Protein backbone atom coordinates (compact mmCIF):
# COMPACT_ATOMS: atom_id res chain seq x y z
CA UNK A 1 -0.16 0.03 -0.21
CA UNK A 2 2.91 2.36 0.74
CA UNK A 3 4.28 2.07 -2.83
CA UNK A 4 0.72 2.81 -4.27
CA UNK A 5 0.47 5.89 -2.06
CA UNK A 6 3.78 7.11 -3.26
CA UNK A 7 2.71 6.72 -6.81
CA UNK A 8 -0.21 8.54 -6.60
CA UNK A 9 1.66 11.56 -4.92
CA UNK A 10 4.34 11.25 -7.60
CA UNK A 11 1.43 11.54 -10.30
CA UNK A 12 -0.29 14.48 -8.61
CA UNK A 13 3.30 16.31 -8.37
CA UNK A 14 3.75 15.81 -12.09
CA UNK A 15 0.33 16.93 -13.00
CA UNK A 16 0.69 20.19 -10.89
CA UNK A 17 4.22 20.74 -12.45
CA UNK A 18 2.54 20.20 -15.89
CA UNK A 19 -0.14 22.75 -15.01
CA UNK A 20 2.31 25.32 -14.06
CA UNK A 21 4.61 24.41 -16.92
CA UNK A 22 2.14 25.26 -19.44
CA UNK A 23 1.18 28.26 -17.44
CA UNK A 24 4.52 29.84 -17.96
CA UNK A 25 3.99 29.77 -21.90
CA UNK A 26 0.63 31.34 -21.40
CA UNK A 27 1.85 34.09 -19.01
CA UNK A 28 4.89 34.45 -21.36
CA UNK A 29 2.34 35.28 -24.37
CA UNK A 30 0.31 37.49 -22.17
CA UNK A 31 3.44 39.41 -21.22
CA UNK A 32 4.21 40.12 -24.89
CA UNK A 33 0.78 41.33 -25.45
CA UNK A 34 0.88 43.86 -22.21
CA UNK A 35 4.68 44.80 -22.28
CA UNK A 36 5.63 44.40 -25.62
CA UNK A 37 8.38 42.46 -27.91
CA UNK A 38 11.29 44.16 -25.85
CA UNK A 39 10.18 41.72 -22.86
CA UNK A 40 12.15 38.44 -23.19
CA UNK A 41 12.12 35.68 -20.87
CA UNK A 42 15.02 35.40 -18.39
CA UNK A 43 14.15 32.03 -16.78
CA UNK A 44 11.49 30.14 -14.93
CA UNK A 45 10.71 27.71 -12.37
CA UNK A 46 8.13 25.13 -12.17
CA UNK A 47 7.29 23.13 -9.05
CA UNK A 48 3.97 21.38 -7.76
CA UNK A 49 2.71 24.59 -5.76
CA UNK A 50 3.57 27.67 -7.92
CA UNK A 51 5.25 28.94 -10.80
CA UNK A 52 8.11 31.41 -10.96
CA UNK A 53 8.86 33.64 -14.19
CA UNK A 54 11.67 36.14 -14.91
CA UNK A 55 11.73 38.54 -17.49
CA UNK A 56 13.51 41.40 -18.76
CA UNK A 57 11.62 44.95 -18.08
CA UNK A 58 13.23 48.52 -17.68
CA UNK A 59 10.53 49.20 -14.92
CA UNK A 60 7.96 47.82 -12.51
CA UNK A 61 4.60 46.62 -13.89
CA UNK A 62 1.88 48.94 -13.02
CA UNK A 63 -1.15 47.44 -11.24
CA UNK A 64 -3.06 47.63 -14.34
CA UNK A 65 -0.49 45.73 -16.21
CA UNK A 66 -0.53 43.16 -13.83
CA UNK A 67 -4.19 42.80 -13.69
CA UNK A 68 -4.16 42.62 -17.53
CA UNK A 69 -1.47 40.11 -17.71
CA UNK A 70 -3.44 37.93 -15.31
CA UNK A 71 -6.66 38.46 -17.23
CA UNK A 72 -5.07 37.66 -20.55
CA UNK A 73 -3.63 34.31 -19.07
CA UNK A 74 -6.70 33.52 -17.46
CA UNK A 75 -8.46 33.85 -20.73
CA UNK A 76 -5.99 31.31 -22.42
CA UNK A 77 -7.02 28.99 -19.68
CA UNK A 78 -10.86 29.59 -20.23
CA UNK A 79 -10.72 29.30 -23.93
CA UNK A 80 -9.18 25.94 -23.20
CA UNK A 81 -7.87 25.35 -26.99
CA UNK A 82 -5.56 22.28 -27.75
CA UNK A 83 -1.80 22.25 -26.98
CA UNK A 84 0.15 21.15 -29.86
CA UNK A 85 3.62 19.73 -29.94
CA UNK A 86 5.77 19.10 -32.82
CA UNK A 87 9.50 18.26 -33.58
CA UNK A 88 10.68 20.39 -36.53
CA UNK A 89 13.86 21.64 -38.14
CA UNK A 90 15.35 24.34 -36.11
CA UNK A 91 15.79 26.60 -39.25
CA UNK A 92 12.12 26.10 -40.45
CA UNK A 93 11.03 26.51 -36.51
CA UNK A 94 12.51 29.98 -36.53
CA UNK A 95 10.83 31.51 -39.32
CA UNK A 96 7.57 31.01 -37.54
CA UNK A 97 6.09 34.50 -37.08
CA UNK A 98 5.39 35.05 -33.41
CA UNK A 99 7.81 32.49 -31.97
CA UNK A 100 9.31 32.95 -28.77
CA UNK A 101 12.24 31.10 -27.05
CA UNK A 102 15.03 32.03 -24.58
CA UNK A 103 17.26 33.05 -27.51
CA UNK A 104 20.79 32.78 -25.45
CA UNK A 105 19.83 29.07 -25.03
CA UNK A 106 21.26 26.34 -27.50
CA UNK A 107 18.36 24.53 -29.27
CA UNK A 108 18.67 20.89 -30.66
CA UNK A 109 17.84 20.31 -34.26
CA UNK A 110 15.17 19.16 -34.67
CA UNK A 111 13.61 21.13 -32.05
CA UNK A 112 9.98 20.95 -30.30
CA UNK A 113 7.60 23.53 -30.77
CA UNK A 114 4.67 24.02 -28.55
CA UNK A 115 1.78 25.91 -29.83
CA UNK A 116 -1.58 27.06 -27.97
CA UNK A 117 -4.64 26.64 -30.29
CA UNK A 118 -2.64 26.53 -33.50
CA UNK A 119 -1.28 23.47 -35.04
CA UNK A 120 2.38 23.72 -35.52
CA UNK A 121 2.25 22.53 -38.93
CA UNK A 122 -0.23 25.32 -39.97
CA UNK A 123 2.36 27.84 -38.60
CA UNK A 124 5.15 26.32 -40.62
CA UNK A 125 2.96 26.13 -43.83
CA UNK A 126 1.65 29.73 -43.45
CA UNK A 127 4.81 31.97 -42.53
CA UNK A 128 3.33 35.05 -43.57
CA UNK A 129 0.21 34.49 -41.41
CA UNK A 130 -0.19 36.18 -37.97
CA UNK A 131 -1.48 33.42 -36.10
CA UNK A 132 1.71 32.86 -34.17
CA UNK A 133 1.65 36.38 -32.98
CA UNK A 134 -2.02 35.79 -31.69
CA UNK A 135 -1.14 32.70 -29.41
CA UNK A 136 1.69 31.33 -27.55
CA UNK A 137 4.39 29.59 -29.70
CA UNK A 138 7.74 28.33 -28.20
CA UNK A 139 10.58 26.13 -28.39
CA UNK A 140 9.93 23.53 -25.39
CA UNK A 141 11.22 20.27 -24.87
CA UNK A 142 8.95 19.96 -21.52
CA UNK A 143 5.84 18.04 -20.61
CA UNK A 144 2.71 19.98 -21.18
CA UNK A 145 -1.09 19.58 -20.36
CA UNK A 146 -3.16 18.59 -23.37
CA UNK A 147 -5.27 21.70 -22.99
CA UNK A 148 -4.92 24.98 -20.75
CA UNK A 149 -8.26 24.31 -19.11
CA UNK A 150 -6.85 21.93 -17.03
CA UNK A 151 -4.92 24.67 -15.17
CA UNK A 152 -8.56 25.31 -13.84
CA UNK A 153 -7.45 28.92 -12.56
CA UNK A 154 -4.46 31.41 -12.90
CA UNK A 155 -3.55 33.92 -10.45
CA UNK A 156 -0.42 36.35 -10.05
CA UNK A 157 0.65 36.40 -6.20
CA UNK A 158 3.46 38.96 -6.83
CA UNK A 159 5.54 40.97 -9.29
CA UNK A 160 8.97 42.18 -7.97
CA UNK A 161 12.39 43.23 -9.23
CA UNK A 162 15.42 40.49 -8.77
CA UNK A 163 18.02 42.26 -10.48
CA UNK A 164 18.60 45.56 -12.69
CA UNK A 165 16.10 45.09 -15.74
CA UNK A 166 15.11 41.84 -14.39
CA UNK A 167 11.43 41.28 -12.91
CA UNK A 168 9.82 38.38 -11.44
CA UNK A 169 6.29 37.30 -11.58
CA UNK A 170 5.14 34.35 -8.90
CA UNK A 171 1.79 32.78 -9.78
CA UNK A 172 -0.49 29.74 -9.04
CA UNK A 173 -2.56 27.68 -11.03
CA UNK A 174 -5.06 24.44 -10.38
CA UNK A 175 -6.19 24.11 -6.65
CA UNK A 176 -3.57 26.79 -5.12
CA UNK A 177 -4.93 29.42 -7.56
CA UNK A 178 -8.69 28.28 -6.78
CA UNK A 179 -7.67 28.70 -2.86
CA UNK A 180 -6.17 32.16 -3.59
CA UNK A 181 -9.11 33.42 -5.34
CA UNK A 182 -11.44 32.15 -2.47
CA UNK A 183 -9.23 34.25 -0.06
């Protein structure tokens, strides 16, 4: 029975971590919409109880910007579109309009592309389309949900400076986000 309980706990941890990992992609896209293209991801942490997302910014976000970022990310959760993943040639993937990546990272060839709501093949075959700018499209080798609705909720708990020009958002998804909203 002990092994069975440990297995269930491990599955729950993985599921919660996946929620937070997928949420970092949704948050990255929302920050792009609110703060503009000069904002780049500088790091992230996904653990079962929260996510942390570091990004470049010349100044603190206003209360309105934080609220709008949270609202846009929740909208992604509520729309509950499929999350697509596909391995593709690195040179082709880099041509996808709207693609986000951590550009100081070295990516393998082929590279895995994650897209919320738009099949990666569609983005590759229609390079002039702005569909990739309207959704989250990123390089990523991690594990994701099949749909963002499985996150249940999304709540930003803090936004702060961690270094000159680098800001950090801490957020919650799933049961932790629901609890935060109830408070």
